[in-house]
Amino acid sequence: MRVKAKKSRKAVELVALVAGGAESPRPCIIVDPKVVEGLELRSFRSEVYVVEEASSITKAYVIPNAVKLELIDDKGYVLSAITADLVVQEGLFEPMITDVTIDMLGIQVVSFSKGLWRHINDPEGIVRESVKK
C-alpha cells in the first residue's frame, strides 16, 4: 500500500494488516508515529479518540482526510485509491486498515490464514498472495 500525504505530498509504502474486525466510521489507516515523520506531517490538527480493542483501551490521534491510500500490486500498479484519515497510535506493531477501508479499496479476502486475496476488479480466478514482511 502506498500512503501519500495530501499536505506534504510525501509518500511511503507499507505492508498493512487487513483487519476485518477493526471497525471505523470512515476509511482510515492506522500507523505508528514514525510513519507521520516519513510523511513529513509537521503541523496538523488531530482529533483524539478512545480506541477499544479486544484486550485493551488506548488513545489514537485522527488526522481527518490527511492521506491518499493507493492499493498497489507487486509491480507498483495502482489497483484502487481513496482519501482516508490517518490514525496515529503509539505502540502499534504494524500498520492496519479497517473494515470500511478494506471495502472501499475493493479488497476481497479469500483466506486470512493463507494470506490470499483478490481485488474486486480482478478477472475471475485471479487470487493474489499477501506481501510478506
Protein backbone atom coordinates (compact mmCIF):
# COMPACT_ATOMS: atom_id res chain seq x y z
CA MET A 1 0.00 0.00 0.00
CA ARG A 2 1.23 3.48 -0.85
CA VAL A 3 0.31 6.23 1.60
CA LYS A 4 0.55 9.78 0.20
CA ALA A 5 0.26 12.82 2.46
CA LYS A 6 -2.05 15.37 0.90
CA LYS A 7 -0.26 18.29 2.60
CA SER A 8 3.44 17.47 2.08
CA ARG A 9 2.97 15.22 -0.99
CA LYS A 10 5.45 12.76 0.55
CA ALA A 11 4.70 9.06 0.21
CA VAL A 12 5.66 5.84 1.95
CA GLU A 13 4.96 2.24 1.01
CA LEU A 14 3.71 -0.01 3.79
CA VAL A 15 2.54 -3.55 4.27
CA ALA A 16 -0.76 -3.13 6.13
CA LEU A 17 -2.70 -5.69 8.10
CA VAL A 18 -6.21 -6.20 6.71
CA ALA A 19 -8.15 -6.11 9.99
CA GLY A 20 -11.71 -7.02 9.05
CA GLY A 21 -12.76 -6.95 12.72
CA ALA A 22 -11.49 -3.40 13.18
CA GLU A 23 -14.41 -1.05 12.70
CA SER A 24 -14.30 2.61 11.71
CA PRO A 25 -16.93 5.06 10.52
CA ARG A 26 -14.64 6.47 7.79
CA PRO A 27 -11.79 5.00 5.75
CA CYS A 28 -8.50 5.14 7.60
CA ILE A 29 -5.09 3.63 8.00
CA ILE A 30 -3.70 3.18 11.50
CA VAL A 31 0.04 3.72 11.86
CA ASP A 32 2.70 4.38 14.48
CA PRO A 33 4.23 7.87 14.89
CA LYS A 34 7.28 7.01 12.74
CA VAL A 35 5.09 6.93 9.64
CA VAL A 36 3.96 10.50 10.34
CA GLU A 37 7.64 11.53 10.33
CA GLY A 38 8.18 9.81 6.97
CA LEU A 39 5.23 11.70 5.51
CA GLU A 40 6.68 14.95 6.86
CA LEU A 41 3.47 15.99 8.56
CA ARG A 42 4.92 18.58 10.91
CA SER A 43 1.84 20.59 11.78
CA PHE A 44 -1.64 19.17 11.63
CA ARG A 45 -4.91 19.22 13.50
CA SER A 46 -5.93 15.95 15.03
CA GLU A 47 -8.88 14.60 16.97
CA VAL A 48 -8.27 12.35 19.98
CA TYR A 49 -10.30 9.14 20.18
CA VAL A 50 -10.52 6.33 22.69
CA VAL A 51 -9.91 3.01 20.94
CA GLU A 52 -11.46 -0.13 22.40
CA GLU A 53 -9.52 -3.21 21.36
CA ALA A 54 -10.12 -6.85 22.22
CA SER A 55 -7.83 -6.70 25.28
CA SER A 56 -7.21 -3.01 25.98
CA ILE A 57 -8.33 0.59 25.73
CA THR A 58 -5.94 3.18 24.31
CA LYS A 59 -5.86 6.59 22.64
CA ALA A 60 -5.42 7.36 18.97
CA TYR A 61 -4.97 10.64 17.13
CA VAL A 62 -7.00 11.04 13.95
CA ILE A 63 -5.91 13.43 11.21
CA PRO A 64 -9.02 13.70 9.02
CA ASN A 65 -8.67 13.26 5.25
CA ALA A 66 -4.88 13.55 5.53
CA VAL A 67 -3.79 10.85 3.08
CA LYS A 68 -4.48 9.18 -0.21
CA LEU A 69 -4.24 5.39 0.04
CA GLU A 70 -3.23 3.51 -3.08
CA LEU A 71 -3.58 -0.25 -3.15
CA ILE A 72 -0.70 -1.37 -5.34
CA ASP A 73 0.19 -4.73 -6.82
CA ASP A 74 3.64 -6.34 -6.81
CA LYS A 75 4.63 -4.34 -9.90
CA GLY A 76 3.56 -0.99 -8.42
CA TYR A 77 0.36 -0.69 -10.47
CA VAL A 78 -2.42 1.13 -8.61
CA LEU A 79 -5.46 -1.16 -8.24
CA SER A 80 -7.57 1.42 -6.38
CA ALA A 81 -7.17 4.67 -4.45
CA ILE A 82 -9.17 6.52 -1.80
CA THR A 83 -8.82 9.51 0.51
CA ALA A 84 -8.57 8.44 4.14
CA ASP A 85 -7.96 9.58 7.69
CA LEU A 86 -4.50 8.97 9.13
CA VAL A 87 -4.81 7.45 12.60
CA VAL A 88 -1.70 7.56 14.78
CA GLN A 89 -1.44 5.09 17.62
CA GLU A 90 1.56 4.59 19.93
CA GLY A 91 2.82 1.03 20.36
CA LEU A 92 1.39 -0.29 17.10
CA PHE A 93 3.45 -3.19 15.71
CA GLU A 94 2.22 -2.99 12.14
CA PRO A 95 0.02 -0.64 10.13
CA MET A 96 -3.55 -1.76 9.61
CA ILE A 97 -6.67 -0.86 7.70
CA THR A 98 -10.25 -1.16 8.92
CA ASP A 99 -13.45 -2.68 7.56
CA VAL A 100 -14.63 0.44 5.69
CA THR A 101 -11.16 0.94 4.18
CA ILE A 102 -10.98 -2.69 3.04
CA ASP A 103 -14.35 -2.39 1.31
CA MET A 104 -13.61 0.98 -0.31
CA LEU A 105 -10.26 -0.28 -1.68
CA GLY A 106 -12.04 -3.31 -3.17
CA ILE A 107 -10.10 -5.93 -1.21
CA GLN A 108 -11.80 -9.32 -1.06
CA VAL A 109 -10.18 -11.75 1.36
CA VAL A 110 -10.05 -15.31 0.04
CA SER A 111 -8.18 -16.78 3.05
CA PHE A 112 -6.98 -14.87 6.10
CA SER A 113 -4.75 -17.72 7.33
CA LYS A 114 -3.07 -18.23 3.96
CA GLY A 115 -2.86 -14.52 3.13
CA LEU A 116 -4.86 -14.87 -0.08
CA TRP A 117 -6.96 -12.08 -1.54
CA ARG A 118 -8.29 -10.60 -4.74
CA HIS A 119 -9.27 -7.15 -5.94
CA ILE A 120 -12.89 -6.54 -6.83
CA ASN A 121 -11.88 -5.73 -10.43
CA ASP A 122 -9.67 -8.80 -10.90
CA PRO A 123 -10.72 -11.23 -13.63
CA GLU A 124 -12.44 -14.43 -12.50
CA GLY A 125 -10.00 -16.91 -10.97
CA ILE A 126 -7.27 -14.41 -10.03
CA VAL A 127 -6.05 -14.86 -6.45
CA ARG A 128 -3.19 -12.79 -5.02
CA GLU A 129 -0.77 -13.58 -2.20
CA SER A 130 -0.18 -11.10 0.59
CA VAL A 131 3.19 -9.41 0.80
CA LYS A 132 5.43 -10.90 3.47
CA LYS A 133 7.25 -8.50 5.77
